[in-house]
Protein backbone atom coordinates (compact mmCIF):
# COMPACT_ATOMS: atom_id res chain seq x y z
CA MET A 1 -18.67 1.85 -94.11
CA ARG A 2 -20.36 4.99 -94.78
CA ARG A 3 -22.91 3.08 -96.17
CA TRP A 4 -23.56 0.65 -93.26
CA ARG A 5 -23.87 4.00 -91.44
CA ALA A 6 -26.50 5.12 -93.97
CA ASN A 7 -28.10 1.99 -93.28
CA PRO A 8 -28.14 0.71 -89.84
CA TRP A 9 -30.27 -2.48 -90.54
CA VAL A 10 -28.14 -3.89 -92.90
CA PHE A 11 -25.22 -3.85 -90.34
CA LEU A 12 -27.50 -5.39 -87.64
CA VAL A 13 -28.24 -8.28 -89.89
CA ILE A 14 -25.12 -8.90 -90.68
CA CYS A 15 -23.64 -9.40 -87.24
CA LEU A 16 -26.91 -11.22 -86.69
CA VAL A 17 -25.91 -13.66 -89.16
CA VAL A 18 -22.58 -13.77 -87.86
CA SER A 19 -23.28 -14.70 -84.50
CA ILE A 20 -25.61 -17.39 -85.37
CA ALA A 21 -23.43 -19.05 -87.46
CA LEU A 22 -20.45 -18.55 -84.51
CA VAL A 23 -22.99 -20.16 -82.47
CA THR A 24 -23.84 -23.05 -84.37
CA ALA A 25 -19.93 -23.96 -85.31
CA SER A 26 -19.60 -23.92 -81.67
CA GLN A 27 -22.13 -26.08 -81.15
CA LEU A 28 -20.85 -28.81 -83.39
CA GLY A 29 -17.42 -28.09 -82.40
CA ILE A 30 -16.01 -26.72 -85.37
CA LEU A 31 -14.54 -23.85 -83.04
CA GLY A 32 -12.96 -26.08 -80.33
CA PRO A 33 -9.66 -25.43 -80.92
CA PHE A 34 -9.86 -21.89 -81.20
CA GLU A 35 -11.76 -21.28 -78.10
CA GLY A 36 -8.87 -23.48 -76.03
CA ILE A 37 -6.13 -20.60 -77.59
CA VAL A 38 -8.78 -17.36 -76.99
CA ALA A 39 -10.02 -18.94 -73.55
CA ALA A 40 -6.57 -19.64 -71.89
CA PRO A 41 -5.46 -16.14 -71.67
CA LEU A 42 -9.02 -15.16 -70.53
CA ASN A 43 -8.81 -18.21 -67.89
CA PHE A 44 -5.35 -16.84 -66.58
CA VAL A 45 -6.79 -13.08 -66.11
CA SER A 46 -10.00 -14.35 -64.49
CA GLY A 47 -7.48 -16.32 -61.86
CA LEU A 48 -5.37 -14.23 -61.12
CA VAL A 49 -8.37 -11.84 -60.64
CA ASN A 50 -9.52 -13.98 -58.46
CA ARG A 51 -6.97 -14.32 -56.59
CA MET A 52 -6.26 -10.89 -56.46
CA THR A 53 -10.23 -10.57 -54.65
CA LEU A 54 -9.55 -13.12 -52.49
CA SER A 55 -6.53 -11.51 -51.20
CA VAL A 56 -8.02 -7.85 -50.83
CA SER A 57 -10.96 -10.03 -49.16
CA ARG A 58 -8.70 -11.81 -46.46
CA GLY A 59 -6.84 -8.77 -45.82
CA ILE A 60 -9.92 -6.63 -45.12
CA ASP A 61 -11.19 -9.78 -42.59
CA ASP A 62 -7.65 -9.16 -40.92
CA LEU A 63 -8.02 -6.19 -40.41
CA THR A 64 -11.42 -6.16 -38.93
CA GLU A 65 -9.85 -9.09 -36.63
CA LEU A 66 -7.17 -6.87 -35.82
CA GLU A 67 -9.33 -4.17 -34.62
CA THR A 68 -11.29 -6.32 -32.67
CA LEU A 69 -8.30 -7.89 -31.28
CA ARG A 70 -7.11 -4.47 -30.47
CA GLN A 71 -10.60 -3.60 -28.65
CA ARG A 72 -10.51 -6.93 -26.80
CA ASN A 73 -6.94 -6.06 -25.51
CA ALA A 74 -7.77 -2.79 -24.18
CA ASP A 75 -11.05 -3.73 -22.65
CA LEU A 76 -8.77 -6.37 -20.97
CA GLU A 77 -6.32 -4.01 -19.91
CA GLU A 78 -9.10 -1.78 -18.38
CA SER A 79 -10.84 -4.77 -16.67
CA LEU A 80 -7.20 -5.87 -15.23
CA ALA A 81 -6.17 -2.03 -14.11
CA GLN A 82 -9.90 -2.06 -12.13
CA LEU A 83 -8.86 -5.43 -10.62
CA GLN A 84 -5.40 -4.22 -9.56
CA SER A 85 -7.04 -1.04 -7.81
CA GLU A 86 -9.37 -3.16 -6.25
CA VAL A 87 -6.71 -5.29 -4.75
CA VAL A 88 -4.63 -2.85 -3.27
CA GLU A 89 -7.74 -1.58 -1.84
CA LEU A 90 -8.95 -4.38 -0.43
CA ARG A 91 -5.40 -5.25 0.98
CA GLU A 92 -5.11 -2.13 2.27
CA ILE A 93 -8.79 -2.45 4.01
CA GLN A 94 -7.23 -6.16 5.65
CA SER A 95 -4.25 -4.43 7.07
CA ASP A 96 -6.34 -1.63 8.54
CA TYR A 97 -8.76 -4.46 9.96
CA ASN A 98 -5.75 -6.74 11.59
CA ARG A 99 -4.36 -3.38 13.30
CA LEU A 100 -7.65 -2.30 14.37
CA ALA A 101 -8.14 -6.03 15.64
CA GLU A 102 -5.01 -6.32 17.52
CA LEU A 103 -5.97 -2.92 19.36
CA LEU A 104 -9.08 -4.18 20.05
CA ASP A 105 -7.62 -7.88 21.76
CA TYR A 106 -5.29 -4.81 23.49
CA THR A 107 -8.33 -3.26 24.67
CA THR A 108 -10.00 -6.17 26.04
CA SER A 109 -7.21 -7.53 27.65
CA VAL A 110 -6.52 -4.87 29.78
CA GLN A 111 -8.48 -3.57 33.00
CA ASN A 112 -9.76 -0.43 33.60
CA GLN A 113 -8.51 1.32 30.55
CA GLU A 114 -10.30 3.79 28.39
CA SER A 115 -8.57 4.75 25.17
CA LEU A 116 -9.16 6.42 21.58
CA ALA A 117 -7.75 5.12 17.90
CA ALA A 118 -5.96 7.59 16.17
CA ASP A 119 -4.30 7.62 12.95
CA VAL A 120 -0.92 9.03 12.70
CA ILE A 121 -0.96 11.65 9.93
CA LEU A 122 2.69 12.76 10.39
CA GLN A 123 5.47 10.36 10.68
CA ALA A 124 8.73 10.68 12.68
CA ASP A 125 11.77 12.09 10.53
CA VAL A 126 14.15 9.24 10.78
CA ASN A 127 16.32 12.37 10.05
CA SER A 128 15.82 14.34 13.08
CA LEU A 129 17.07 14.30 16.48
CA LEU A 130 13.53 15.14 17.59
CA ARG A 131 11.44 11.68 17.75
CA THR A 132 7.70 12.63 17.26
CA ILE A 133 4.47 11.73 15.27
CA VAL A 134 1.12 13.56 14.94
CA ILE A 135 -2.21 11.64 15.37
CA ASN A 136 -5.89 13.15 14.18
CA LYS A 137 -7.01 13.43 17.41
CA GLY A 138 -7.34 16.19 20.04
CA ALA A 139 -8.90 18.61 22.59
CA ARG A 140 -12.60 18.18 21.05
CA ASP A 141 -11.87 14.36 21.41
CA GLY A 142 -10.45 14.29 24.56
CA ILE A 143 -7.04 14.59 24.70
CA ALA A 144 -5.40 16.09 26.97
CA VAL A 145 -1.32 16.74 27.37
CA GLY A 146 0.72 13.53 29.11
CA MET A 147 -1.79 10.86 28.12
CA PRO A 148 0.05 7.85 27.15
CA VAL A 149 0.11 6.37 23.64
CA VAL A 150 0.27 2.65 22.90
CA THR A 151 -0.18 0.29 20.17
CA ARG A 152 -0.45 -3.70 20.92
CA GLN A 153 3.71 -4.37 20.64
CA GLY A 154 3.72 -1.59 23.72
CA LEU A 155 4.29 1.71 24.82
CA ILE A 156 4.60 4.56 22.13
CA GLY A 157 5.26 7.80 24.01
CA ARG A 158 3.19 10.55 25.17
CA ILE A 159 0.91 13.28 24.25
CA THR A 160 3.02 16.33 24.42
CA ASP A 161 0.92 19.38 22.43
CA VAL A 162 -2.28 19.66 21.83
CA THR A 163 -4.40 20.86 19.17
CA ALA A 164 -8.26 21.03 18.69
CA ASP A 165 -8.59 18.09 16.00
CA SER A 166 -4.19 16.73 16.61
CA ALA A 167 -1.82 16.24 18.95
CA ARG A 168 1.54 15.42 18.73
CA VAL A 169 3.23 12.64 20.80
CA LEU A 170 6.61 12.15 21.66
CA LEU A 171 8.32 8.77 21.34
CA ILE A 172 10.48 7.23 23.73
CA THR A 173 13.12 6.74 21.53
CA ASP A 174 13.20 10.63 21.67
CA PRO A 175 16.68 11.70 23.22
CA SER A 176 14.39 13.79 26.15
CA SER A 177 12.14 11.37 26.88
CA ALA A 178 13.01 8.97 30.64
CA VAL A 179 10.64 6.44 31.44
CA SER A 180 10.83 4.56 34.67
CA GLY A 181 10.88 1.18 33.61
CA ARG A 182 10.79 -2.17 35.75
CA LEU A 183 12.67 -5.82 35.03
CA GLN A 184 10.11 -8.34 35.15
CA SER A 185 12.00 -11.17 35.96
CA SER A 186 14.08 -9.62 38.86
CA ARG A 187 11.73 -6.17 39.60
CA ALA A 188 14.68 -4.33 39.78
CA GLU A 189 13.88 -0.63 38.61
CA GLY A 190 15.69 2.19 36.27
CA SER A 191 14.78 4.69 33.62
CA VAL A 192 14.66 3.77 30.11
CA VAL A 193 15.87 6.53 27.84
CA GLY A 194 15.75 7.14 24.50
CA ARG A 195 18.95 7.34 22.84
CA ALA A 196 20.22 6.95 18.79
CA GLY A 197 19.21 3.69 17.44
CA GLY A 198 16.89 2.96 20.28
CA LEU A 199 16.05 2.77 23.89
CA THR A 200 18.68 1.94 26.96
CA MET A 201 17.89 1.34 30.91
CA ILE A 202 19.97 3.19 33.35
CA PHE A 203 20.41 3.04 36.78
CA ILE A 204 19.87 -0.60 37.04
CA PRO A 205 20.80 -1.75 40.69
CA LEU A 206 24.47 -3.67 40.42
CA GLY A 207 22.87 -6.47 42.30
CA ALA A 208 20.24 -6.89 39.99
CA ALA A 209 20.36 -9.97 37.52
CA ILE A 210 19.50 -9.38 33.71
CA GLU A 211 19.34 -11.62 31.26
CA GLN A 212 18.79 -11.34 27.21
CA GLY A 213 15.47 -11.27 26.44
CA ASP A 214 13.92 -10.05 30.11
CA LEU A 215 11.02 -7.57 29.73
CA VAL A 216 10.81 -4.52 30.79
CA LEU A 217 7.46 -2.72 31.98
CA THR A 218 6.67 0.82 32.82
CA SER A 219 6.94 0.82 36.71
CA GLY A 220 4.48 3.89 37.20
CA LEU A 221 6.75 5.41 39.74
CA GLY A 222 6.63 9.10 39.29
CA GLY A 223 2.47 9.12 38.29
CA ASN A 224 3.81 9.73 34.70
CA LEU A 225 2.96 7.03 33.47
CA PRO A 226 0.48 3.57 34.61
CA PRO A 227 2.20 0.76 35.24
CA ASP A 228 3.14 -2.64 33.53
CA ILE A 229 2.90 -1.61 29.82
CA VAL A 230 5.23 -3.32 27.96
CA ILE A 231 8.27 -0.82 26.89
CA GLY A 232 10.69 -3.84 25.35
CA VAL A 233 13.26 -6.65 25.32
CA VAL A 234 16.51 -6.21 26.92
CA THR A 235 19.29 -7.35 24.16
CA SER A 236 22.48 -6.54 25.44
CA VAL A 237 23.72 -5.81 29.18
CA GLN A 238 27.03 -3.74 30.04
CA LYS A 239 28.56 -3.07 33.26
CA PHE A 240 31.00 -0.72 33.93
CA GLU A 241 34.09 -0.91 36.34
CA PHE A 242 33.69 1.57 39.46
CA GLU A 243 30.14 2.32 38.07
CA LEU A 244 27.60 2.32 41.03
CA TYR A 245 25.12 1.10 38.09
CA GLN A 246 24.48 -0.94 35.53
CA GLN A 247 22.85 -0.49 32.41
CA ALA A 248 21.12 -2.75 29.48
CA GLN A 249 20.09 -2.06 25.86
CA ILE A 250 16.46 -2.46 24.83
CA GLN A 251 14.65 -3.37 22.17
CA SER A 252 11.01 -1.97 22.02
CA LEU A 253 8.58 -4.54 20.07
CA ALA A 254 6.74 -2.03 18.16
CA ASP A 255 8.43 -0.56 14.62
CA PHE A 256 8.17 3.20 15.24
CA ASN A 257 8.82 4.27 11.78
CA THR A 258 5.58 2.80 9.98
CA LEU A 259 3.45 3.55 12.75
CA GLU A 260 -0.22 4.14 11.68
CA ILE A 261 -2.73 3.53 13.85
CA VAL A 262 -2.48 3.59 17.96
CA LEU A 263 -3.95 4.14 21.19
CA VAL A 264 -4.31 7.15 23.55
CA ILE A 265 -4.97 5.87 27.26
CA THR A 266 -7.84 8.20 27.88
CA ASN A 267 -8.78 7.92 31.30
CA PHE A 268 -5.00 8.56 32.64
CA GLN A 269 -3.63 11.80 34.09
CA PRO A 270 -0.22 12.69 34.94
CA ALA A 271 0.22 12.46 39.06
CA ASP A 272 1.00 16.62 39.90
CA LEU A 273 3.90 15.90 42.17
CA SER A 274 4.75 19.33 42.38
CA ALA A 275 2.94 19.95 46.00
CA PHE A 276 5.64 16.77 47.36
CA GLU A 277 8.47 18.43 45.75
CA THR A 278 8.10 21.37 47.72
CA ASP A 279 7.88 19.82 51.10
CA ALA A 280 10.83 18.05 49.93
CA ASN A 281 12.58 21.09 49.57
CA GLY A 282 11.55 22.44 53.06
CA GLY A 283 7.73 23.13 52.61
CA ASN A 284 6.27 26.73 52.56
CA GLY A 285 9.59 28.38 53.92
CA GLN A 286 9.34 26.47 57.20
């Protein structure tokens, strides 16, 4: 061994001769059986390595595809959220358009009436006895106390308080509200007052014919409201023995709990009847 290390050329020559002999024997087929025995484990190891490499490669491809799918899913979710937001916005625009179209149709159907559209910025509290709303129009917009407030479905109430940029509306369903009304069919008159759960028309003459479905309009008596504004329809009639009047339950066509846009009739001012009341009580102290 030391001799080979001392003379590496001898070792190189021997290795070269052995290599040539092995190659020659292999080409002559002498080493065939031995090559099969040696190649079997090597082929097994090579196949195992190939399968492992293929599995790793497929795993990497699957991870890449999974990440791509996750990113695509995130993009789709973001697009869906944006579309849902746009759908909600479009529905609100459509709803506002429908309400404004109804109000416009109402304003064109009445004569000699000027009105101003206003948004409801404070709804009536259903748990409170007071039934009022607040709108976003005020004195700067020409709103004054006593002006009627309506929708296409009919009378809503009257302006009771005004600030520079807002106003309070007393709804006709408030217990303190009283509106002079008239039955459209019989022309019988009475007073429509707010009651818990709706409206009641009182002081209707006993001889007046009243039926369910009769339309009730403002009469204009008292000068507090213009005539012929729809108040509601009769749902039931009550007659009491020994009473001088009869009364009827009235259902408004408007939903007071979902008011969003209303019209204020701006060219109507309540009549001042105080001078006539003074005359009726004796006038000027005479």
